[in-house]
Amino acid sequence: MIGDDIEVSVLSIMGEKVRIGIQAPRDIPVFRKEVYLEIQQEKDAATPVAAPTPAREAAS
């Protein structure tokens, strides 16, 4: 269990492969790590970079 709402279970073991199942509420996204990282890269690429603001000159 992860918290009260997420359950991870072993579905099968075949040699060196292990299949797991994850039950979680629909509002909690569950991704394999490589998919999660790809989504994060897409979000970063879509986020506009703010242009630097020019420095104000000090009044003398």
PDB file of N, CA and C in Angstrom:
ATOM      1  N   MET A   1       0.841  -1.185   0.000  1.00  0.00           N
ATOM      2  CA  MET A   1       0.000   0.000   0.000  1.00  0.00           C
ATOM      3  C   MET A   1       0.887   1.248   0.000  1.00  0.00           C
ATOM      4  N   ILE A   2       0.443   2.249  -0.712  1.00  0.00           N
ATOM      5  CA  ILE A   2       1.062   3.568  -0.675  1.00  0.00           C
ATOM      6  C   ILE A   2      -0.037   4.509  -0.191  1.00  0.00           C
ATOM      7  N   GLY A   3       0.110   4.990   1.014  1.00  0.00           N
ATOM      8  CA  GLY A   3      -0.961   5.777   1.610  1.00  0.00           C
ATOM      9  C   GLY A   3      -2.183   4.891   1.807  1.00  0.00           C
ATOM     10  N   ASP A   4      -3.355   5.499   1.782  1.00  0.00           N
ATOM     11  CA  ASP A   4      -4.594   4.737   1.974  1.00  0.00           C
ATOM     12  C   ASP A   4      -5.262   4.362   0.663  1.00  0.00           C
ATOM     13  N   ASP A   5      -4.842   4.966  -0.453  1.00  0.00           N
ATOM     14  CA  ASP A   5      -5.591   4.819  -1.695  1.00  0.00           C
ATOM     15  C   ASP A   5      -4.894   4.062  -2.811  1.00  0.00           C
ATOM     16  N   ILE A   6      -3.599   3.790  -2.684  1.00  0.00           N
ATOM     17  CA  ILE A   6      -2.858   3.180  -3.787  1.00  0.00           C
ATOM     18  C   ILE A   6      -2.378   1.796  -3.360  1.00  0.00           C
ATOM     19  N   GLU A   7      -2.721   0.799  -4.174  1.00  0.00           N
ATOM     20  CA  GLU A   7      -2.326  -0.579  -3.885  1.00  0.00           C
ATOM     21  C   GLU A   7      -1.458  -1.111  -5.022  1.00  0.00           C
ATOM     22  N   VAL A   8      -0.298  -1.631  -4.688  1.00  0.00           N
ATOM     23  CA  VAL A   8       0.613  -2.229  -5.659  1.00  0.00           C
ATOM     24  C   VAL A   8       0.663  -3.725  -5.372  1.00  0.00           C
ATOM     25  N   SER A   9       0.481  -4.535  -6.410  1.00  0.00           N
ATOM     26  CA  SER A   9       0.500  -5.983  -6.199  1.00  0.00           C
ATOM     27  C   SER A   9       1.300  -6.674  -7.297  1.00  0.00           C
ATOM     28  N   VAL A  10       1.879  -7.816  -6.973  1.00  0.00           N
ATOM     29  CA  VAL A  10       2.609  -8.642  -7.948  1.00  0.00           C
ATOM     30  C   VAL A  10       1.571  -9.513  -8.645  1.00  0.00           C
ATOM     31  N   LEU A  11       1.466  -9.378  -9.972  1.00  0.00           N
ATOM     32  CA  LEU A  11       0.502 -10.158 -10.738  1.00  0.00           C
ATOM     33  C   LEU A  11       1.072 -11.500 -11.166  1.00  0.00           C
ATOM     34  N   SER A  12       2.345 -11.502 -11.567  1.00  0.00           N
ATOM     35  CA  SER A  12       2.976 -12.756 -11.979  1.00  0.00           C
ATOM     36  C   SER A  12       4.489 -12.604 -11.984  1.00  0.00           C
ATOM     37  N   ILE A  13       5.148 -13.725 -11.867  1.00  0.00           N
ATOM     38  CA  ILE A  13       6.606 -13.781 -11.971  1.00  0.00           C
ATOM     39  C   ILE A  13       6.925 -14.857 -13.003  1.00  0.00           C
ATOM     40  N   MET A  14       7.648 -14.460 -14.065  1.00  0.00           N
ATOM     41  CA  MET A  14       8.048 -15.400 -15.113  1.00  0.00           C
ATOM     42  C   MET A  14       9.539 -15.261 -15.322  1.00  0.00           C
ATOM     43  N   GLY A  15      10.313 -16.138 -14.721  1.00  0.00           N
ATOM     44  CA  GLY A  15      11.764 -16.024 -14.817  1.00  0.00           C
ATOM     45  C   GLY A  15      12.223 -14.750 -14.138  1.00  0.00           C
ATOM     46  N   GLU A  16      12.852 -13.867 -14.920  1.00  0.00           N
ATOM     47  CA  GLU A  16      13.350 -12.612 -14.357  1.00  0.00           C
ATOM     48  C   GLU A  16      12.368 -11.451 -14.559  1.00  0.00           C
ATOM     49  N   LYS A  17      11.193 -11.731 -15.115  1.00  0.00           N
ATOM     50  CA  LYS A  17      10.202 -10.691 -15.341  1.00  0.00           C
ATOM     51  C   LYS A  17       9.142 -10.736 -14.245  1.00  0.00           C
ATOM     52  N   VAL A  18       8.808  -9.570 -13.740  1.00  0.00           N
ATOM     53  CA  VAL A  18       7.772  -9.443 -12.723  1.00  0.00           C
ATOM     54  C   VAL A  18       6.726  -8.465 -13.237  1.00  0.00           C
ATOM     55  N   ARG A  19       5.472  -8.895 -13.268  1.00  0.00           N
ATOM     56  CA  ARG A  19       4.366  -8.009 -13.658  1.00  0.00           C
ATOM     57  C   ARG A  19       3.720  -7.485 -12.388  1.00  0.00           C
ATOM     58  N   ILE A  20       3.547  -6.181 -12.337  1.00  0.00           N
ATOM     59  CA  ILE A  20       2.893  -5.589 -11.175  1.00  0.00           C
ATOM     60  C   ILE A  20       1.593  -4.921 -11.602  1.00  0.00           C
ATOM     61  N   GLY A  21       0.691  -4.793 -10.658  1.00  0.00           N
ATOM     62  CA  GLY A  21      -0.557  -4.086 -10.881  1.00  0.00           C
ATOM     63  C   GLY A  21      -0.635  -2.927  -9.905  1.00  0.00           C
ATOM     64  N   ILE A  22      -1.219  -1.840 -10.353  1.00  0.00           N
ATOM     65  CA  ILE A  22      -1.366  -0.667  -9.495  1.00  0.00           C
ATOM     66  C   ILE A  22      -2.820  -0.236  -9.551  1.00  0.00           C
ATOM     67  N   GLN A  23      -3.446  -0.164  -8.382  1.00  0.00           N
ATOM     68  CA  GLN A  23      -4.803   0.357  -8.282  1.00  0.00           C
ATOM     69  C   GLN A  23      -4.720   1.687  -7.558  1.00  0.00           C
ATOM     70  N   ALA A  24      -5.233   2.720  -8.219  1.00  0.00           N
ATOM     71  CA  ALA A  24      -5.200   4.065  -7.651  1.00  0.00           C
ATOM     72  C   ALA A  24      -6.451   4.805  -8.103  1.00  0.00           C
ATOM     73  N   PRO A  25      -6.850   5.825  -7.358  1.00  0.00           N
ATOM     74  CA  PRO A  25      -7.989   6.635  -7.802  1.00  0.00           C
ATOM     75  C   PRO A  25      -7.693   7.257  -9.166  1.00  0.00           C
ATOM     76  N   ARG A  26      -8.728   7.489  -9.954  1.00  0.00           N
ATOM     77  CA  ARG A  26      -8.553   8.020 -11.312  1.00  0.00           C
ATOM     78  C   ARG A  26      -7.889   9.386 -11.330  1.00  0.00           C
ATOM     79  N   ASP A  27      -8.002  10.143 -10.249  1.00  0.00           N
ATOM     80  CA  ASP A  27      -7.410  11.484 -10.243  1.00  0.00           C
ATOM     81  C   ASP A  27      -5.918  11.466  -9.922  1.00  0.00           C
ATOM     82  N   ILE A  28      -5.348  10.278  -9.713  1.00  0.00           N
ATOM     83  CA  ILE A  28      -3.909  10.142  -9.467  1.00  0.00           C
ATOM     84  C   ILE A  28      -3.281   9.479 -10.691  1.00  0.00           C
ATOM     85  N   PRO A  29      -2.489  10.234 -11.473  1.00  0.00           N
ATOM     86  CA  PRO A  29      -1.881   9.634 -12.667  1.00  0.00           C
ATOM     87  C   PRO A  29      -0.786   8.624 -12.285  1.00  0.00           C
ATOM     88  N   VAL A  30      -0.732   7.522 -13.027  1.00  0.00           N
ATOM     89  CA  VAL A  30       0.272   6.482 -12.802  1.00  0.00           C
ATOM     90  C   VAL A  30       0.946   6.203 -14.137  1.00  0.00           C
ATOM     91  N   PHE A  31       2.266   6.423 -14.210  1.00  0.00           N
ATOM     92  CA  PHE A  31       3.023   6.228 -15.443  1.00  0.00           C
ATOM     93  C   PHE A  31       4.304   5.456 -15.156  1.00  0.00           C
ATOM     94  N   ARG A  32       4.791   4.732 -16.169  1.00  0.00           N
ATOM     95  CA  ARG A  32       6.151   4.198 -16.089  1.00  0.00           C
ATOM     96  C   ARG A  32       7.096   5.384 -16.098  1.00  0.00           C
ATOM     97  N   LYS A  33       8.279   5.219 -15.523  1.00  0.00           N
ATOM     98  CA  LYS A  33       9.201   6.338 -15.378  1.00  0.00           C
ATOM     99  C   LYS A  33       9.552   6.975 -16.715  1.00  0.00           C
ATOM    100  N   GLU A  34       9.835   6.168 -17.745  1.00  0.00           N
ATOM    101  CA  GLU A  34      10.241   6.750 -19.022  1.00  0.00           C
ATOM    102  C   GLU A  34       9.094   7.550 -19.644  1.00  0.00           C
ATOM    103  N   VAL A  35       7.857   7.140 -19.448  1.00  0.00           N
ATOM    104  CA  VAL A  35       6.708   7.892 -19.949  1.00  0.00           C
ATOM    105  C   VAL A  35       6.559   9.189 -19.156  1.00  0.00           C
ATOM    106  N   TYR A  36       6.699   9.117 -17.845  1.00  0.00           N
ATOM    107  CA  TYR A  36       6.613  10.304 -16.984  1.00  0.00           C
ATOM    108  C   TYR A  36       7.668  11.337 -17.387  1.00  0.00           C
ATOM    109  N   LEU A  37       8.904  10.895 -17.612  1.00  0.00           N
ATOM    110  CA  LEU A  37       9.976  11.818 -17.991  1.00  0.00           C
ATOM    111  C   LEU A  37       9.697  12.461 -19.348  1.00  0.00           C
ATOM    112  N   GLU A  38       9.133  11.694 -20.270  1.00  0.00           N
ATOM    113  CA  GLU A  38       8.790  12.236 -21.589  1.00  0.00           C
ATOM    114  C   GLU A  38       7.706  13.311 -21.457  1.00  0.00           C
ATOM    115  N   ILE A  39       6.715  13.067 -20.626  1.00  0.00           N
ATOM    116  CA  ILE A  39       5.653  14.054 -20.394  1.00  0.00           C
ATOM    117  C   ILE A  39       6.249  15.321 -19.796  1.00  0.00           C
ATOM    118  N   GLN A  40       7.161  15.184 -18.842  1.00  0.00           N
ATOM    119  CA  GLN A  40       7.787  16.351 -18.225  1.00  0.00           C
ATOM    120  C   GLN A  40       8.593  17.154 -19.240  1.00  0.00           C
ATOM    121  N   GLN A  41       9.312  16.459 -20.134  1.00  0.00           N
ATOM    122  CA  GLN A  41      10.086  17.156 -21.168  1.00  0.00           C
ATOM    123  C   GLN A  41       9.169  17.923 -22.104  1.00  0.00           C
ATOM    124  N   GLU A  42       8.020  17.330 -22.456  1.00  0.00           N
ATOM    125  CA  GLU A  42       7.067  18.015 -23.329  1.00  0.00           C
ATOM    126  C   GLU A  42       6.503  19.251 -22.641  1.00  0.00           C
ATOM    127  N   LYS A  43       6.215  19.144 -21.342  1.00  0.00           N
ATOM    128  CA  LYS A  43       5.709  20.300 -20.592  1.00  0.00           C
ATOM    129  C   LYS A  43       6.761  21.404 -20.547  1.00  0.00           C
ATOM    130  N   ASP A  44       8.020  21.033 -20.306  1.00  0.00           N
ATOM    131  CA  ASP A  44       9.097  22.027 -20.243  1.00  0.00           C
ATOM    132  C   ASP A  44       9.275  22.719 -21.596  1.00  0.00           C
ATOM    133  N   ALA A  45       9.160  21.960 -22.675  1.00  0.00           N
ATOM    134  CA  ALA A  45       9.326  22.533 -24.012  1.00  0.00           C
ATOM    135  C   ALA A  45       8.169  23.467 -24.351  1.00  0.00           C
ATOM    136  N   ALA A  46       6.990  23.199 -23.818  1.00  0.00           N
ATOM    137  CA  ALA A  46       5.815  24.017 -24.115  1.00  0.00           C
ATOM    138  C   ALA A  46       5.736  25.264 -23.244  1.00  0.00           C
ATOM    139  N   THR A  47       6.490  25.295 -22.159  1.00  0.00           N
ATOM    140  CA  THR A  47       6.461  26.436 -21.246  1.00  0.00           C
ATOM    141  C   THR A  47       7.314  27.558 -21.824  1.00  0.00           C
ATOM    142  N   PRO A  48       6.710  28.717 -22.074  1.00  0.00           N
ATOM    143  CA  PRO A  48       7.503  29.824 -22.619  1.00  0.00           C
ATOM    144  C   PRO A  48       8.490  30.345 -21.580  1.00  0.00           C
ATOM    145  N   VAL A  49       9.656  30.680 -22.047  1.00  0.00           N
ATOM    146  CA  VAL A  49      10.692  31.220 -21.173  1.00  0.00           C
ATOM    147  C   VAL A  49      10.496  32.727 -21.111  1.00  0.00           C
ATOM    148  N   ALA A  50      10.428  33.270 -19.912  1.00  0.00           N
ATOM    149  CA  ALA A  50      10.221  34.715 -19.751  1.00  0.00           C
ATOM    150  C   ALA A  50      11.497  35.452 -20.169  1.00  0.00           C
ATOM    151  N   ALA A  51      11.304  36.513 -20.913  1.00  0.00           N
ATOM    152  CA  ALA A  51      12.436  37.326 -21.332  1.00  0.00           C
ATOM    153  C   ALA A  51      12.970  38.089 -20.122  1.00  0.00           C
ATOM    154  N   PRO A  52      14.272  38.254 -20.039  1.00  0.00           N
ATOM    155  CA  PRO A  52      14.822  38.991 -18.900  1.00  0.00           C
ATOM    156  C   PRO A  52      14.356  40.439 -18.935  1.00  0.00           C
ATOM    157  N   THR A  53      14.044  40.959 -17.776  1.00  0.00           N
ATOM    158  CA  THR A  53      13.616  42.358 -17.707  1.00  0.00           C
ATOM    159  C   THR A  53      14.846  43.245 -17.638  1.00  0.00           C
ATOM    160  N   PRO A  54      14.837  44.364 -18.371  1.00  0.00           N
ATOM    161  CA  PRO A  54      16.011  45.237 -18.350  1.00  0.00           C
ATOM    162  C   PRO A  54      16.202  45.856 -16.964  1.00  0.00           C
ATOM    163  N   ALA A  55      17.440  46.020 -16.573  1.00  0.00           N
ATOM    164  CA  ALA A  55      17.748  46.617 -15.272  1.00  0.00           C
ATOM    165  C   ALA A  55      17.422  48.099 -15.324  1.00  0.00           C
ATOM    166  N   ARG A  56      16.856  48.579 -14.240  1.00  0.00           N
ATOM    167  CA  ARG A  56      16.553  50.014 -14.165  1.00  0.00           C
ATOM    168  C   ARG A  56      17.791  50.765 -13.713  1.00  0.00           C
ATOM    169  N   GLU A  57      17.953  51.929 -14.299  1.00  0.00           N
ATOM    170  CA  GLU A  57      19.102  52.747 -13.914  1.00  0.00           C
ATOM    171  C   GLU A  57      18.780  53.460 -12.609  1.00  0.00           C
ATOM    172  N   ALA A  58      19.753  53.537 -11.730  1.00  0.00           N
ATOM    173  CA  ALA A  58      19.549  54.198 -10.455  1.00  0.00           C
ATOM    174  C   ALA A  58      19.471  55.702 -10.685  1.00  0.00           C
ATOM    175  N   ALA A  59      18.508  56.342 -10.028  1.00  0.00           N
ATOM    176  CA  ALA A  59      18.384  57.811 -10.132  1.00  0.00           C
ATOM    177  C   ALA A  59      19.470  58.467  -9.305  1.00  0.00           C
ATOM    178  N   SER A  60      20.122  59.467  -9.911  1.00  0.00           N
ATOM    179  CA  SER A  60      21.183  60.134  -9.165  1.00  0.00           C
ATOM    180  C   SER A  60      20.725  61.472  -8.659  1.00  0.00           C
TER     181      SER A  60
END
